[in-house]
Amino acid sequence: MSTLPVSDTPPTPENMPFVAPCRTLDMSAPLRWLRLGWADMKRAPRLSLTYGLALMALSVAIAALTWKFGTMALYIGMATGFIFVGPVLAVGLYSISRQLGKGLDPVMGYCLREGKYHIKELLVLGIILMVVLLVWARAAAMVHVFFPTEGTPSLRQLLPFLGIGSLVGSVFAAIVFAASAFSLPMILDRKVDAITASVTSINAVLRNKKPMVLWASLIGFSVVLGFATAFIGFIVLLPLIGHATWHAYQETIDATAWPLDSADNA
């Protein structure tokens, strides 16, 4: 992992960069983040599992709505749940890791205070992701023109539909992942707007494609494993990913040009 020089120049509107620089990652970085995340969970198991239960309940609620009301409920549930409520819960996990990094004993009140303190930029980021989700939903609906309409389609007839659908879904999933990989912890850590944090995240992902593909694959595997365990696995897996994401941000992004932004300063 390479390091970046830290500037002694005080940040001002004139010298503030548009995007925070990033470090070059090695392929072992995602596994290192998971180890650090697991260490945080072991040091603060009660708080971590509390957030895990909340995220599991959110997942169950969205799944139940989708089962009862169909695809539209899925879009609404994701928009209001994982895009607006989820980031606030994730900030709590980052806050736990942040407090541990300072040598403090994590407390729930501090986590909630930080989530409230950064709510404005979290909502802006949520709106950005919701717009992407709505465009994604529209694109998914358009892909259905490739679905065979006569009789029972064979696998060969379904290949164009499956191939194009997978390609479209992969593109939008990559956009969402790139924009959110490092933006949420950066918003928690520094006084930065959601646009700058998102652009910083995308830049870091593009400059570290191979390790970030591995990181995305590990996250995807965790989600699949969570569904395979009837959501119970999310109680542990989602906090683990949350803590690991904080360490991913700490290792990857050099945000020293922005002032620290904490609920302590509110």
Protein backbone atom coordinates (compact mmCIF):
# COMPACT_ATOMS: atom_id res chain seq x y z
CA MET A 1 0.00 0.00 0.00
CA SER A 2 1.45 3.36 -0.98
CA THR A 3 1.18 6.45 1.18
CA LEU A 4 0.43 10.05 0.31
CA PRO A 5 2.15 13.15 1.64
CA VAL A 6 0.12 15.18 4.09
CA SER A 7 -0.04 18.90 3.35
CA ASP A 8 0.56 21.43 6.14
CA THR A 9 -1.40 24.11 4.25
CA PRO A 10 -4.59 25.03 6.14
CA PRO A 11 -7.73 24.18 4.13
CA THR A 12 -9.52 27.16 2.60
CA PRO A 13 -12.21 27.44 -0.09
CA GLU A 14 -9.46 28.45 -2.54
CA ASN A 15 -7.18 25.44 -2.03
CA MET A 16 -9.84 22.83 -1.22
CA PRO A 17 -9.62 20.03 -3.82
CA PHE A 18 -12.67 18.74 -5.66
CA VAL A 19 -11.84 15.14 -4.87
CA ALA A 20 -9.81 13.54 -2.09
CA PRO A 21 -6.78 11.57 -3.31
CA CYS A 22 -6.63 7.84 -2.75
CA ARG A 23 -3.95 5.31 -2.00
CA THR A 24 -3.09 2.33 -4.19
CA LEU A 25 -4.41 -0.91 -2.67
CA ASP A 26 -3.07 -4.44 -2.89
CA MET A 27 -5.28 -7.46 -3.46
CA SER A 28 -5.11 -8.49 0.20
CA ALA A 29 -6.70 -5.22 1.36
CA PRO A 30 -10.34 -6.46 1.47
CA LEU A 31 -9.38 -9.44 3.62
CA ARG A 32 -7.45 -7.11 5.91
CA TRP A 33 -10.52 -4.88 6.26
CA LEU A 34 -12.62 -7.88 7.25
CA ARG A 35 -10.10 -8.88 9.92
CA LEU A 36 -10.11 -5.36 11.34
CA GLY A 37 -13.91 -5.27 11.20
CA TRP A 38 -14.13 -8.56 13.06
CA ALA A 39 -11.77 -7.21 15.71
CA ASP A 40 -14.08 -4.22 16.18
CA MET A 41 -17.08 -6.52 16.54
CA LYS A 42 -15.33 -8.51 19.23
CA ARG A 43 -14.49 -5.31 21.13
CA ALA A 44 -18.06 -3.95 20.92
CA PRO A 45 -20.31 -6.99 20.42
CA ARG A 46 -23.45 -5.60 22.06
CA LEU A 47 -23.61 -2.40 20.02
CA SER A 48 -22.59 -4.13 16.79
CA LEU A 49 -25.22 -6.86 17.10
CA THR A 50 -27.87 -4.27 18.02
CA TYR A 51 -27.25 -2.56 14.70
CA GLY A 52 -27.19 -5.98 13.06
CA LEU A 53 -30.65 -6.76 14.45
CA ALA A 54 -31.96 -3.42 13.18
CA LEU A 55 -30.58 -4.02 9.69
CA MET A 56 -31.97 -7.57 9.68
CA ALA A 57 -35.41 -6.26 10.68
CA LEU A 58 -35.21 -3.74 7.83
CA SER A 59 -34.33 -6.54 5.39
CA VAL A 60 -37.20 -8.71 6.61
CA ALA A 61 -39.66 -5.82 6.32
CA ILE A 62 -38.66 -5.08 2.72
CA ALA A 63 -38.82 -8.78 1.81
CA ALA A 64 -42.28 -9.13 3.39
CA LEU A 65 -43.61 -6.07 1.55
CA THR A 66 -42.20 -7.38 -1.72
CA TRP A 67 -43.79 -10.79 -1.18
CA LYS A 68 -47.18 -9.22 -0.44
CA PHE A 69 -47.31 -6.29 -2.85
CA GLY A 70 -44.90 -7.20 -5.63
CA THR A 71 -42.00 -5.46 -7.35
CA MET A 72 -43.19 -1.91 -6.72
CA ALA A 73 -43.03 -2.54 -2.98
CA LEU A 74 -39.44 -3.66 -3.46
CA TYR A 75 -38.50 -0.37 -5.08
CA ILE A 76 -40.34 1.68 -2.46
CA GLY A 77 -38.87 -0.42 0.36
CA MET A 78 -35.34 -0.08 -0.96
CA ALA A 79 -35.76 3.65 -1.52
CA THR A 80 -37.11 4.37 1.97
CA GLY A 81 -35.25 1.61 3.77
CA PHE A 82 -31.78 0.81 2.53
CA ILE A 83 -31.26 4.17 0.84
CA PHE A 84 -32.50 6.44 3.65
CA VAL A 85 -32.63 4.40 6.87
CA GLY A 86 -29.73 2.09 5.99
CA PRO A 87 -27.08 4.81 5.68
CA VAL A 88 -28.03 6.25 9.08
CA LEU A 89 -27.65 2.79 10.63
CA ALA A 90 -24.38 2.27 8.78
CA VAL A 91 -23.05 5.55 10.19
CA GLY A 92 -23.64 4.09 13.65
CA LEU A 93 -21.35 1.18 12.81
CA TYR A 94 -18.69 3.53 11.45
CA SER A 95 -19.02 5.57 14.64
CA ILE A 96 -18.36 2.48 16.75
CA SER A 97 -15.15 1.77 14.83
CA ARG A 98 -14.19 5.42 15.00
CA GLN A 99 -14.64 5.51 18.77
CA LEU A 100 -12.62 2.32 19.15
CA GLY A 101 -9.86 3.84 17.03
CA LYS A 102 -9.71 6.76 19.47
CA GLY A 103 -9.38 4.37 22.40
CA LEU A 104 -12.90 5.09 23.67
CA ASP A 105 -15.58 2.74 24.90
CA PRO A 106 -18.33 3.01 22.22
CA VAL A 107 -21.73 4.21 23.41
CA MET A 108 -25.04 4.21 21.57
CA GLY A 109 -25.80 7.86 22.36
CA TYR A 110 -22.67 9.04 20.60
CA CYS A 111 -23.51 6.90 17.54
CA LEU A 112 -27.02 8.33 17.34
CA ARG A 113 -25.73 11.86 17.81
CA GLU A 114 -23.29 11.47 14.93
CA GLY A 115 -26.05 10.08 12.71
CA LYS A 116 -28.26 13.08 13.52
CA TYR A 117 -25.37 15.51 13.05
CA HIS A 118 -24.73 14.29 9.50
CA ILE A 119 -28.35 13.72 8.49
CA LYS A 120 -28.38 16.48 5.86
CA GLU A 121 -25.55 15.05 3.74
CA LEU A 122 -26.81 11.50 4.32
CA LEU A 123 -30.20 12.50 2.90
CA VAL A 124 -28.55 14.17 -0.10
CA LEU A 125 -26.59 10.99 -0.78
CA GLY A 126 -29.78 8.98 -0.31
CA ILE A 127 -31.58 11.09 -2.93
CA ILE A 128 -28.70 10.58 -5.37
CA LEU A 129 -28.89 6.81 -4.88
CA MET A 130 -32.70 6.87 -5.17
CA VAL A 131 -32.47 8.59 -8.55
CA VAL A 132 -30.08 5.87 -9.71
CA LEU A 133 -32.49 3.23 -8.36
CA LEU A 134 -35.45 4.73 -10.22
CA VAL A 135 -33.50 4.85 -13.49
CA TRP A 136 -32.43 1.27 -12.80
CA ALA A 137 -36.08 0.25 -12.31
CA ARG A 138 -37.02 1.94 -15.58
CA ALA A 139 -34.19 0.20 -17.42
CA ALA A 140 -35.24 -3.15 -15.94
CA ALA A 141 -38.79 -2.60 -17.20
CA MET A 142 -37.49 -1.83 -20.70
CA VAL A 143 -35.44 -5.06 -20.73
CA HIS A 144 -38.72 -7.00 -20.62
CA VAL A 145 -39.20 -6.28 -24.34
CA PHE A 146 -36.66 -9.08 -24.89
CA PHE A 147 -38.75 -11.61 -22.92
CA PRO A 148 -40.42 -14.21 -25.22
CA THR A 149 -44.21 -13.78 -25.21
CA GLU A 150 -45.39 -16.90 -27.01
CA GLY A 151 -45.65 -20.29 -25.35
CA THR A 152 -43.16 -21.64 -22.85
CA PRO A 153 -39.78 -20.14 -23.74
CA SER A 154 -36.74 -22.37 -24.00
CA LEU A 155 -33.43 -21.53 -22.39
CA ARG A 156 -32.06 -20.51 -25.79
CA GLN A 157 -34.94 -18.08 -26.28
CA LEU A 158 -34.36 -16.65 -22.79
CA LEU A 159 -30.65 -16.04 -23.31
CA PRO A 160 -31.00 -12.53 -24.85
CA PHE A 161 -33.32 -11.46 -22.02
CA LEU A 162 -31.08 -12.92 -19.31
CA GLY A 163 -27.90 -11.59 -20.87
CA ILE A 164 -29.12 -8.03 -21.42
CA GLY A 165 -30.85 -7.96 -18.04
CA SER A 166 -27.68 -9.10 -16.27
CA LEU A 167 -25.58 -6.55 -18.15
CA VAL A 168 -27.92 -3.66 -17.32
CA GLY A 169 -28.17 -4.73 -13.69
CA SER A 170 -24.40 -5.04 -13.39
CA VAL A 171 -23.87 -1.52 -14.74
CA PHE A 172 -26.25 0.07 -12.24
CA ALA A 173 -24.99 -2.08 -9.36
CA ALA A 174 -21.45 -0.96 -10.18
CA ILE A 175 -22.54 2.71 -10.15
CA VAL A 176 -24.22 2.36 -6.76
CA PHE A 177 -21.25 0.47 -5.32
CA ALA A 178 -18.68 2.94 -6.64
CA ALA A 179 -20.60 5.96 -5.34
CA SER A 180 -21.18 4.53 -1.87
CA ALA A 181 -18.04 2.45 -1.20
CA PHE A 182 -16.23 5.25 0.67
CA SER A 183 -18.64 8.20 0.66
CA LEU A 184 -20.59 7.38 3.84
CA PRO A 185 -17.58 7.01 6.15
CA MET A 186 -16.04 10.13 4.60
CA ILE A 187 -19.21 12.11 5.41
CA LEU A 188 -18.98 10.88 9.00
CA ASP A 189 -15.28 11.63 9.31
CA ARG A 190 -14.90 14.99 7.58
CA LYS A 191 -16.78 18.20 6.92
CA VAL A 192 -17.54 17.35 3.30
CA ASP A 193 -20.59 17.50 1.06
CA ALA A 194 -22.25 14.39 -0.40
CA ILE A 195 -21.22 15.18 -3.99
CA THR A 196 -17.52 15.47 -3.14
CA ALA A 197 -17.69 12.30 -1.05
CA SER A 198 -19.40 10.40 -3.88
CA VAL A 199 -16.92 11.60 -6.53
CA THR A 200 -14.05 10.71 -4.19
CA SER A 201 -15.49 7.23 -3.75
CA ILE A 202 -15.92 6.68 -7.50
CA ASN A 203 -12.38 7.89 -8.16
CA ALA A 204 -10.92 5.54 -5.54
CA VAL A 205 -12.85 2.56 -6.92
CA LEU A 206 -11.76 3.26 -10.50
CA ARG A 207 -8.11 3.58 -9.41
CA ASN A 208 -8.24 0.28 -7.50
CA LYS A 209 -10.38 -1.86 -9.76
CA LYS A 210 -9.06 -5.34 -8.90
CA PRO A 211 -9.15 -5.11 -5.08
CA MET A 212 -12.50 -3.31 -5.24
CA VAL A 213 -13.97 -6.05 -7.44
CA LEU A 214 -12.86 -8.52 -4.77
CA TRP A 215 -14.41 -6.30 -2.07
CA ALA A 216 -17.69 -6.06 -3.99
CA SER A 217 -17.67 -9.85 -4.45
CA LEU A 218 -17.19 -10.39 -0.70
CA ILE A 219 -20.08 -8.03 0.04
CA GLY A 220 -22.24 -9.81 -2.53
CA PHE A 221 -21.36 -13.20 -1.03
CA SER A 222 -22.29 -11.90 2.43
CA VAL A 223 -25.68 -10.75 1.12
CA VAL A 224 -26.32 -14.13 -0.52
CA LEU A 225 -25.28 -15.89 2.69
CA GLY A 226 -27.61 -13.67 4.67
CA PHE A 227 -30.57 -14.59 2.45
CA ALA A 228 -29.58 -18.27 2.58
CA THR A 229 -29.82 -18.18 6.37
CA ALA A 230 -33.31 -16.63 6.29
CA PHE A 231 -31.86 -13.20 7.14
CA ILE A 232 -30.41 -14.41 10.46
CA GLY A 233 -26.87 -14.19 9.10
CA PHE A 234 -27.36 -10.46 8.54
CA ILE A 235 -27.17 -9.93 12.31
CA VAL A 236 -23.44 -10.66 12.12
CA LEU A 237 -22.59 -10.13 8.46
CA LEU A 238 -23.92 -6.59 8.02
CA PRO A 239 -22.13 -5.17 11.09
CA LEU A 240 -18.97 -6.94 9.95
CA ILE A 241 -19.21 -5.29 6.53
CA GLY A 242 -19.99 -1.95 8.18
CA HIS A 243 -16.94 -2.03 10.45
CA ALA A 244 -14.76 -3.26 7.60
CA THR A 245 -15.98 -0.41 5.39
CA TRP A 246 -14.75 2.12 7.94
CA HIS A 247 -11.29 0.56 7.85
CA ALA A 248 -11.46 0.47 4.04
CA TYR A 249 -12.06 4.21 4.03
CA GLN A 250 -9.29 4.87 6.55
CA GLU A 251 -6.78 2.91 4.48
CA THR A 252 -7.83 4.15 1.05
CA ILE A 253 -8.86 7.82 1.23
CA ASP A 254 -6.58 10.70 2.21
CA ALA A 255 -9.14 13.27 3.38
CA THR A 256 -6.73 15.38 5.44
CA ALA A 257 -7.51 18.45 3.30
CA TRP A 258 -10.98 18.58 4.90
CA PRO A 259 -11.47 19.47 8.55
CA LEU A 260 -12.59 16.80 10.97
CA ASP A 261 -16.34 16.87 11.47
CA SER A 262 -17.71 15.23 14.56
CA ALA A 263 -20.77 15.40 16.76
CA ASP A 264 -18.41 16.54 19.47
CA ASN A 265 -18.16 19.86 17.63
CA ALA A 266 -21.90 20.33 17.28
